[in-house]
């Protein structure tokens, strides 16, 4: 069990649940798809960076995923500021 908790497959499972959450929220029309994307993408970027680190991927993948998370977060902040 400890091996699973420190493996990249746990992150895959969490990303899968996040995707299902987004699909359900959009399908039930709770929030518009753009709001869901703005909200969930920064966290997904951080999870991808963690997955890359746990999988011992080549070094550029971690900062690339974190840069994606930053851009998504700034996009989210800009959208919230407009409201």
PDB file of N, CA and C in Angstrom:
ATOM      1  N   UNK A   1       0.809  -1.193   0.000  1.00  0.00           N
ATOM      2  CA  UNK A   1       0.000   0.000   0.000  1.00  0.00           C
ATOM      3  C   UNK A   1       0.859   1.267   0.000  1.00  0.00           C
ATOM      4  N   UNK A   2       1.955   1.262   0.724  1.00  0.00           N
ATOM      5  CA  UNK A   2       2.837   2.422   0.772  1.00  0.00           C
ATOM      6  C   UNK A   2       3.411   2.717  -0.610  1.00  0.00           C
ATOM      7  N   UNK A   3       3.694   1.676  -1.374  1.00  0.00           N
ATOM      8  CA  UNK A   3       4.239   1.877  -2.722  1.00  0.00           C
ATOM      9  C   UNK A   3       3.238   2.623  -3.600  1.00  0.00           C
ATOM     10  N   UNK A   4       1.956   2.320  -3.454  1.00  0.00           N
ATOM     11  CA  UNK A   4       0.940   3.008  -4.252  1.00  0.00           C
ATOM     12  C   UNK A   4       0.848   4.477  -3.862  1.00  0.00           C
ATOM     13  N   UNK A   5       0.979   4.759  -2.564  1.00  0.00           N
ATOM     14  CA  UNK A   5       0.864   6.137  -2.092  1.00  0.00           C
ATOM     15  C   UNK A   5       2.017   7.015  -2.543  1.00  0.00           C
ATOM     16  N   UNK A   6       3.122   6.430  -2.912  1.00  0.00           N
ATOM     17  CA  UNK A   6       4.275   7.192  -3.388  1.00  0.00           C
ATOM     18  C   UNK A   6       4.520   7.001  -4.881  1.00  0.00           C
ATOM     19  N   UNK A   7       3.555   6.428  -5.574  1.00  0.00           N
ATOM     20  CA  UNK A   7       3.728   6.188  -7.006  1.00  0.00           C
ATOM     21  C   UNK A   7       2.970   7.241  -7.818  1.00  0.00           C
ATOM     22  N   UNK A   8       3.351   7.427  -9.061  1.00  0.00           N
ATOM     23  CA  UNK A   8       2.633   8.380  -9.909  1.00  0.00           C
ATOM     24  C   UNK A   8       1.214   7.925 -10.233  1.00  0.00           C
ATOM     25  N   UNK A   9       0.912   6.655 -10.008  1.00  0.00           N
ATOM     26  CA  UNK A   9      -0.430   6.156 -10.325  1.00  0.00           C
ATOM     27  C   UNK A   9      -1.497   6.753  -9.414  1.00  0.00           C
ATOM     28  N   UNK A  10      -1.124   7.117  -8.198  1.00  0.00           N
ATOM     29  CA  UNK A  10      -2.072   7.803  -7.316  1.00  0.00           C
ATOM     30  C   UNK A  10      -2.469   9.150  -7.912  1.00  0.00           C
ATOM     31  N   UNK A  11      -1.516   9.854  -8.483  1.00  0.00           N
ATOM     32  CA  UNK A  11      -1.802  11.144  -9.119  1.00  0.00           C
ATOM     33  C   UNK A  11      -2.697  10.934 -10.337  1.00  0.00           C
ATOM     34  N   UNK A  12      -2.464   9.852 -11.083  1.00  0.00           N
ATOM     35  CA  UNK A  12      -3.343   9.525 -12.214  1.00  0.00           C
ATOM     36  C   UNK A  12      -4.780   9.357 -11.743  1.00  0.00           C
ATOM     37  N   UNK A  13      -4.959   8.668 -10.624  1.00  0.00           N
ATOM     38  CA  UNK A  13      -6.285   8.444 -10.066  1.00  0.00           C
ATOM     39  C   UNK A  13      -6.930   9.771  -9.653  1.00  0.00           C
ATOM     40  N   UNK A  14      -6.168  10.629  -9.007  1.00  0.00           N
ATOM     41  CA  UNK A  14      -6.697  11.936  -8.583  1.00  0.00           C
ATOM     42  C   UNK A  14      -7.057  12.790  -9.798  1.00  0.00           C
ATOM     43  N   UNK A  15      -6.220  12.783 -10.823  1.00  0.00           N
ATOM     44  CA  UNK A  15      -6.534  13.527 -12.045  1.00  0.00           C
ATOM     45  C   UNK A  15      -7.787  12.978 -12.709  1.00  0.00           C
ATOM     46  N   UNK A  16      -7.954  11.673 -12.663  1.00  0.00           N
ATOM     47  CA  UNK A  16      -9.163  11.055 -13.218  1.00  0.00           C
ATOM     48  C   UNK A  16     -10.409  11.507 -12.477  1.00  0.00           C
ATOM     49  N   UNK A  17     -10.346  11.519 -11.144  1.00  0.00           N
ATOM     50  CA  UNK A  17     -11.476  11.998 -10.359  1.00  0.00           C
ATOM     51  C   UNK A  17     -11.759  13.471 -10.632  1.00  0.00           C
ATOM     52  N   UNK A  18     -10.719  14.250 -10.840  1.00  0.00           N
ATOM     53  CA  UNK A  18     -10.889  15.668 -11.149  1.00  0.00           C
ATOM     54  C   UNK A  18     -11.599  15.836 -12.492  1.00  0.00           C
ATOM     55  N   UNK A  19     -11.227  15.021 -13.456  1.00  0.00           N
ATOM     56  CA  UNK A  19     -11.878  15.073 -14.764  1.00  0.00           C
ATOM     57  C   UNK A  19     -13.345  14.681 -14.658  1.00  0.00           C
ATOM     58  N   UNK A  20     -13.630  13.631 -13.909  1.00  0.00           N
ATOM     59  CA  UNK A  20     -15.023  13.210 -13.710  1.00  0.00           C
ATOM     60  C   UNK A  20     -15.812  14.321 -13.019  1.00  0.00           C
ATOM     61  N   UNK A  21     -15.216  14.958 -12.026  1.00  0.00           N
ATOM     62  CA  UNK A  21     -15.863  16.070 -11.328  1.00  0.00           C
ATOM     63  C   UNK A  21     -16.220  17.179 -12.312  1.00  0.00           C
ATOM     64  N   UNK A  22     -15.285  17.537 -13.174  1.00  0.00           N
ATOM     65  CA  UNK A  22     -15.527  18.600 -14.150  1.00  0.00           C
ATOM     66  C   UNK A  22     -16.660  18.215 -15.098  1.00  0.00           C
ATOM     67  N   UNK A  23     -16.659  16.980 -15.560  1.00  0.00           N
ATOM     68  CA  UNK A  23     -17.703  16.522 -16.485  1.00  0.00           C
ATOM     69  C   UNK A  23     -19.073  16.563 -15.820  1.00  0.00           C
ATOM     70  N   UNK A  24     -19.146  16.112 -14.577  1.00  0.00           N
ATOM     71  CA  UNK A  24     -20.428  16.105 -13.863  1.00  0.00           C
ATOM     72  C   UNK A  24     -20.925  17.530 -13.644  1.00  0.00           C
ATOM     73  N   UNK A  25     -20.050  18.426 -13.233  1.00  0.00           N
ATOM     74  CA  UNK A  25     -20.470  19.812 -12.978  1.00  0.00           C
ATOM     75  C   UNK A  25     -20.965  20.478 -14.259  1.00  0.00           C
ATOM     76  N   UNK A  26     -20.289  20.224 -15.372  1.00  0.00           N
ATOM     77  CA  UNK A  26     -20.723  20.805 -16.648  1.00  0.00           C
ATOM     78  C   UNK A  26     -22.019  20.145 -17.113  1.00  0.00           C
ATOM     79  N   UNK A  27     -22.121  18.820 -16.961  1.00  0.00           N
ATOM     80  CA  UNK A  27     -23.318  18.108 -17.404  1.00  0.00           C
ATOM     81  C   UNK A  27     -24.553  18.547 -16.623  1.00  0.00           C
ATOM     82  N   UNK A  28     -24.383  18.816 -15.341  1.00  0.00           N
ATOM     83  CA  UNK A  28     -25.505  19.275 -14.519  1.00  0.00           C
ATOM     84  C   UNK A  28     -25.742  20.769 -14.639  1.00  0.00           C
ATOM     85  N   UNK A  29     -24.927  21.422 -15.433  1.00  0.00           N
ATOM     86  CA  UNK A  29     -25.033  22.871 -15.674  1.00  0.00           C
ATOM     87  C   UNK A  29     -24.968  23.680 -14.385  1.00  0.00           C
ATOM     88  N   UNK A  30     -24.109  23.236 -13.477  1.00  0.00           N
ATOM     89  CA  UNK A  30     -23.916  23.965 -12.224  1.00  0.00           C
ATOM     90  C   UNK A  30     -23.099  25.226 -12.479  1.00  0.00           C
ATOM     91  N   UNK A  31     -22.062  25.085 -13.294  1.00  0.00           N
ATOM     92  CA  UNK A  31     -21.216  26.212 -13.672  1.00  0.00           C
ATOM     93  C   UNK A  31     -20.875  26.094 -15.152  1.00  0.00           C
ATOM     94  N   UNK A  32     -20.577  27.208 -15.803  1.00  0.00           N
ATOM     95  CA  UNK A  32     -20.172  27.147 -17.207  1.00  0.00           C
ATOM     96  C   UNK A  32     -18.805  26.453 -17.362  1.00  0.00           C
ATOM     97  N   UNK A  33     -18.571  25.824 -18.501  1.00  0.00           N
ATOM     98  CA  UNK A  33     -17.307  25.102 -18.716  1.00  0.00           C
ATOM     99  C   UNK A  33     -16.065  25.971 -18.530  1.00  0.00           C
ATOM    100  N   UNK A  34     -16.115  27.231 -18.942  1.00  0.00           N
ATOM    101  CA  UNK A  34     -14.946  28.092 -18.798  1.00  0.00           C
ATOM    102  C   UNK A  34     -14.604  28.330 -17.331  1.00  0.00           C
ATOM    103  N   UNK A  35     -15.601  28.473 -16.495  1.00  0.00           N
ATOM    104  CA  UNK A  35     -15.365  28.682 -15.061  1.00  0.00           C
ATOM    105  C   UNK A  35     -14.740  27.413 -14.463  1.00  0.00           C
ATOM    106  N   UNK A  36     -15.249  26.261 -14.854  1.00  0.00           N
ATOM    107  CA  UNK A  36     -14.693  24.993 -14.361  1.00  0.00           C
ATOM    108  C   UNK A  36     -13.240  24.848 -14.799  1.00  0.00           C
ATOM    109  N   UNK A  37     -12.960  25.134 -16.060  1.00  0.00           N
ATOM    110  CA  UNK A  37     -11.585  25.022 -16.560  1.00  0.00           C
ATOM    111  C   UNK A  37     -10.666  25.977 -15.809  1.00  0.00           C
ATOM    112  N   UNK A  38     -11.112  27.222 -15.644  1.00  0.00           N
ATOM    113  CA  UNK A  38     -10.290  28.203 -14.915  1.00  0.00           C
ATOM    114  C   UNK A  38     -10.011  27.756 -13.491  1.00  0.00           C
ATOM    115  N   UNK A  39     -10.966  27.097 -12.872  1.00  0.00           N
ATOM    116  CA  UNK A  39     -10.826  26.700 -11.477  1.00  0.00           C
ATOM    117  C   UNK A  39      -9.958  25.463 -11.313  1.00  0.00           C
ATOM    118  N   UNK A  40     -10.109  24.480 -12.186  1.00  0.00           N
ATOM    119  CA  UNK A  40      -9.448  23.190 -11.996  1.00  0.00           C
ATOM    120  C   UNK A  40      -8.073  23.083 -12.657  1.00  0.00           C
ATOM    121  N   UNK A  41      -7.805  23.844 -13.695  1.00  0.00           N
ATOM    122  CA  UNK A  41      -6.539  23.693 -14.413  1.00  0.00           C
ATOM    123  C   UNK A  41      -5.288  24.034 -13.602  1.00  0.00           C
ATOM    124  N   UNK A  42      -5.298  25.062 -12.753  1.00  0.00           N
ATOM    125  CA  UNK A  42      -4.074  25.302 -11.961  1.00  0.00           C
ATOM    126  C   UNK A  42      -3.712  24.109 -11.070  1.00  0.00           C
ATOM    127  N   UNK A  43      -4.694  23.526 -10.428  1.00  0.00           N
ATOM    128  CA  UNK A  43      -4.442  22.352  -9.589  1.00  0.00           C
ATOM    129  C   UNK A  43      -3.979  21.163 -10.401  1.00  0.00           C
ATOM    130  N   UNK A  44      -4.547  21.009 -11.597  1.00  0.00           N
ATOM    131  CA  UNK A  44      -4.124  19.917 -12.467  1.00  0.00           C
ATOM    132  C   UNK A  44      -2.662  20.100 -12.880  1.00  0.00           C
ATOM    133  N   UNK A  45      -2.251  21.328 -13.117  1.00  0.00           N
ATOM    134  CA  UNK A  45      -0.850  21.588 -13.459  1.00  0.00           C
ATOM    135  C   UNK A  45       0.096  21.211 -12.334  1.00  0.00           C
ATOM    136  N   UNK A  46      -0.290  21.541 -11.112  1.00  0.00           N
ATOM    137  CA  UNK A  46       0.545  21.177  -9.957  1.00  0.00           C
ATOM    138  C   UNK A  46       0.585  19.660  -9.796  1.00  0.00           C
ATOM    139  N   UNK A  47      -0.570  19.008  -9.994  1.00  0.00           N
ATOM    140  CA  UNK A  47      -0.589  17.541  -9.901  1.00  0.00           C
ATOM    141  C   UNK A  47       0.270  16.893 -10.989  1.00  0.00           C
ATOM    142  N   UNK A  48       0.274  17.481 -12.181  1.00  0.00           N
ATOM    143  CA  UNK A  48       1.129  16.954 -13.247  1.00  0.00           C
ATOM    144  C   UNK A  48       2.602  17.118 -12.908  1.00  0.00           C
ATOM    145  N   UNK A  49       2.952  18.228 -12.266  1.00  0.00           N
ATOM    146  CA  UNK A  49       4.335  18.426 -11.832  1.00  0.00           C
ATOM    147  C   UNK A  49       4.717  17.383 -10.779  1.00  0.00           C
ATOM    148  N   UNK A  50       3.829  17.142  -9.832  1.00  0.00           N
ATOM    149  CA  UNK A  50       4.081  16.119  -8.815  1.00  0.00           C
ATOM    150  C   UNK A  50       4.208  14.750  -9.449  1.00  0.00           C
ATOM    151  N   UNK A  51       3.350  14.464 -10.425  1.00  0.00           N
ATOM    152  CA  UNK A  51       3.416  13.167 -11.105  1.00  0.00           C
ATOM    153  C   UNK A  51       4.753  13.001 -11.823  1.00  0.00           C
ATOM    154  N   UNK A  52       5.195  14.060 -12.490  1.00  0.00           N
ATOM    155  CA  UNK A  52       6.475  14.000 -13.193  1.00  0.00           C
ATOM    156  C   UNK A  52       7.626  13.767 -12.219  1.00  0.00           C
ATOM    157  N   UNK A  53       7.563  14.407 -11.065  1.00  0.00           N
ATOM    158  CA  UNK A  53       8.616  14.224 -10.064  1.00  0.00           C
ATOM    159  C   UNK A  53       8.597  12.807  -9.499  1.00  0.00           C
ATOM    160  N   UNK A  54       7.411  12.289  -9.199  1.00  0.00           N
ATOM    161  CA  UNK A  54       7.308  10.929  -8.654  1.00  0.00           C
ATOM    162  C   UNK A  54       7.733   9.877  -9.671  1.00  0.00           C
ATOM    163  N   UNK A  55       7.473  10.152 -10.946  1.00  0.00           N
ATOM    164  CA  UNK A  55       7.838   9.213 -12.002  1.00  0.00           C
ATOM    165  C   UNK A  55       9.297   9.356 -12.415  1.00  0.00           C
ATOM    166  N   UNK A  56       9.999  10.308 -11.803  1.00  0.00           N
ATOM    167  CA  UNK A  56      11.392  10.597 -12.128  1.00  0.00           C
ATOM    168  C   UNK A  56      11.565  10.876 -13.624  1.00  0.00           C
ATOM    169  N   UNK A  57      10.652  11.706 -14.130  1.00  0.00           N
ATOM    170  CA  UNK A  57      10.714  12.107 -15.536  1.00  0.00           C
ATOM    171  C   UNK A  57      11.914  13.018 -15.755  1.00  0.00           C
ATOM    172  N   UNK A  58      12.210  13.284 -17.013  1.00  0.00           N
ATOM    173  CA  UNK A  58      13.292  14.211 -17.343  1.00  0.00           C
ATOM    174  C   UNK A  58      13.013  15.560 -16.691  1.00  0.00           C
ATOM    175  N   UNK A  59      14.049  16.242 -16.259  1.00  0.00           N
ATOM    176  CA  UNK A  59      13.904  17.443 -15.439  1.00  0.00           C
ATOM    177  C   UNK A  59      13.032  18.538 -16.057  1.00  0.00           C
ATOM    178  N   UNK A  60      12.978  18.727 -17.383  1.00  0.00           N
ATOM    179  CA  UNK A  60      12.161  19.846 -17.886  1.00  0.00           C
ATOM    180  C   UNK A  60      10.652  19.689 -17.641  1.00  0.00           C
ATOM    181  N   UNK A  61      10.172  18.483 -17.391  1.00  0.00           N
ATOM    182  CA  UNK A  61       8.736  18.276 -17.242  1.00  0.00           C
ATOM    183  C   UNK A  61       8.171  18.913 -15.980  1.00  0.00           C
ATOM    184  N   UNK A  62       8.917  18.915 -14.901  1.00  0.00           N
ATOM    185  CA  UNK A  62       8.416  19.511 -13.654  1.00  0.00           C
ATOM    186  C   UNK A  62       8.259  21.028 -13.802  1.00  0.00           C
ATOM    187  N   UNK A  63       9.292  21.764 -14.221  1.00  0.00           N
ATOM    188  CA  UNK A  63       9.083  23.211 -14.374  1.00  0.00           C
ATOM    189  C   UNK A  63       8.077  23.557 -15.474  1.00  0.00           C
ATOM    190  N   UNK A  64       7.981  22.733 -16.500  1.00  0.00           N
ATOM    191  CA  UNK A  64       6.999  22.985 -17.554  1.00  0.00           C
ATOM    192  C   UNK A  64       5.577  22.865 -16.998  1.00  0.00           C
ATOM    193  N   UNK A  65       5.332  21.842 -16.203  1.00  0.00           N
ATOM    194  CA  UNK A  65       4.007  21.670 -15.596  1.00  0.00           C
ATOM    195  C   UNK A  65       3.715  22.796 -14.610  1.00  0.00           C
ATOM    196  N   UNK A  66       4.718  23.216 -13.858  1.00  0.00           N
ATOM    197  CA  UNK A  66       4.517  24.322 -12.917  1.00  0.00           C
ATOM    198  C   UNK A  66       4.276  25.642 -13.655  1.00  0.00           C
ATOM    199  N   UNK A  67       4.941  25.837 -14.780  1.00  0.00           N
ATOM    200  CA  UNK A  67       4.702  27.037 -15.591  1.00  0.00           C
ATOM    201  C   UNK A  67       3.273  27.030 -16.140  1.00  0.00           C
ATOM    202  N   UNK A  68       2.807  25.855 -16.555  1.00  0.00           N
ATOM    203  CA  UNK A  68       1.422  25.724 -17.006  1.00  0.00           C
ATOM    204  C   UNK A  68       0.460  26.083 -15.875  1.00  0.00           C
ATOM    205  N   UNK A  69       0.746  25.586 -14.667  1.00  0.00           N
ATOM    206  CA  UNK A  69      -0.101  25.884 -13.517  1.00  0.00           C
ATOM    207  C   UNK A  69      -0.121  27.386 -13.234  1.00  0.00           C
ATOM    208  N   UNK A  70       1.023  28.041 -13.357  1.00  0.00           N
ATOM    209  CA  UNK A  70       1.091  29.483 -13.133  1.00  0.00           C
ATOM    210  C   UNK A  70       0.246  30.242 -14.145  1.00  0.00           C
ATOM    211  N   UNK A  71       0.386  29.896 -15.414  1.00  0.00           N
ATOM    212  CA  UNK A  71      -0.391  30.574 -16.461  1.00  0.00           C
ATOM    213  C   UNK A  71      -1.885  30.336 -16.239  1.00  0.00           C
ATOM    214  N   UNK A  72      -2.258  29.111 -15.906  1.00  0.00           N
ATOM    215  CA  UNK A  72      -3.673  28.811 -15.644  1.00  0.00           C
ATOM    216  C   UNK A  72      -4.169  29.584 -14.431  1.00  0.00           C
ATOM    217  N   UNK A  73      -3.342  29.705 -13.413  1.00  0.00           N
ATOM    218  CA  UNK A  73      -3.725  30.451 -12.215  1.00  0.00           C
ATOM    219  C   UNK A  73      -3.915  31.935 -12.535  1.00  0.00           C
ATOM    220  N   UNK A  74      -3.013  32.505 -13.319  1.00  0.00           N
ATOM    221  CA  UNK A  74      -3.153  33.915 -13.711  1.00  0.00           C
ATOM    222  C   UNK A  74      -4.405  34.132 -14.551  1.00  0.00           C
ATOM    223  N   UNK A  75      -4.724  33.165 -15.417  1.00  0.00           N
ATOM    224  CA  UNK A  75      -5.942  33.216 -16.217  1.00  0.00           C
ATOM    225  C   UNK A  75      -7.163  33.201 -15.293  1.00  0.00           C
ATOM    226  N   UNK A  76      -7.118  32.366 -14.263  1.00  0.00           N
ATOM    227  CA  UNK A  76      -8.205  32.285 -13.294  1.00  0.00           C
ATOM    228  C   UNK A  76      -8.354  33.613 -12.535  1.00  0.00           C
ATOM    229  N   UNK A  77      -7.236  34.167 -12.090  1.00  0.00           N
ATOM    230  CA  UNK A  77      -7.293  35.446 -11.367  1.00  0.00           C
ATOM    231  C   UNK A  77      -7.843  36.564 -12.238  1.00  0.00           C
ATOM    232  N   UNK A  78      -7.449  36.583 -13.498  1.00  0.00           N
ATOM    233  CA  UNK A  78      -7.953  37.622 -14.410  1.00  0.00           C
ATOM    234  C   UNK A  78      -9.456  37.468 -14.604  1.00  0.00           C
ATOM    235  N   UNK A  79      -9.928  36.238 -14.705  1.00  0.00           N
ATOM    236  CA  UNK A  79     -11.362  36.006 -14.852  1.00  0.00           C
ATOM    237  C   UNK A  79     -12.138  36.409 -13.617  1.00  0.00           C
ATOM    238  N   UNK A  80     -11.571  36.175 -12.446  1.00  0.00           N
ATOM    239  CA  UNK A  80     -12.254  36.554 -11.204  1.00  0.00           C
ATOM    240  C   UNK A  80     -12.261  38.072 -11.018  1.00  0.00           C
ATOM    241  N   UNK A  81     -11.238  38.720 -11.506  1.00  0.00           N
ATOM    242  CA  UNK A  81     -11.175  40.175 -11.356  1.00  0.00           C
ATOM    243  C   UNK A  81     -12.236  40.869 -12.185  1.00  0.00           C
ATOM    244  N   UNK A  82     -12.598  40.294 -13.331  1.00  0.00           N
ATOM    245  CA  UNK A  82     -13.596  40.878 -14.215  1.00  0.00           C
ATOM    246  C   UNK A  82     -14.986  40.856 -13.601  1.00  0.00           C
ATOM    247  N   UNK A  83     -15.242  39.949 -12.647  1.00  0.00           N
ATOM    248  CA  UNK A  83     -16.597  39.848 -12.063  1.00  0.00           C
ATOM    249  C   UNK A  83     -16.895  40.963 -11.127  1.00  0.00           C
TER     250      UNK A  83
END
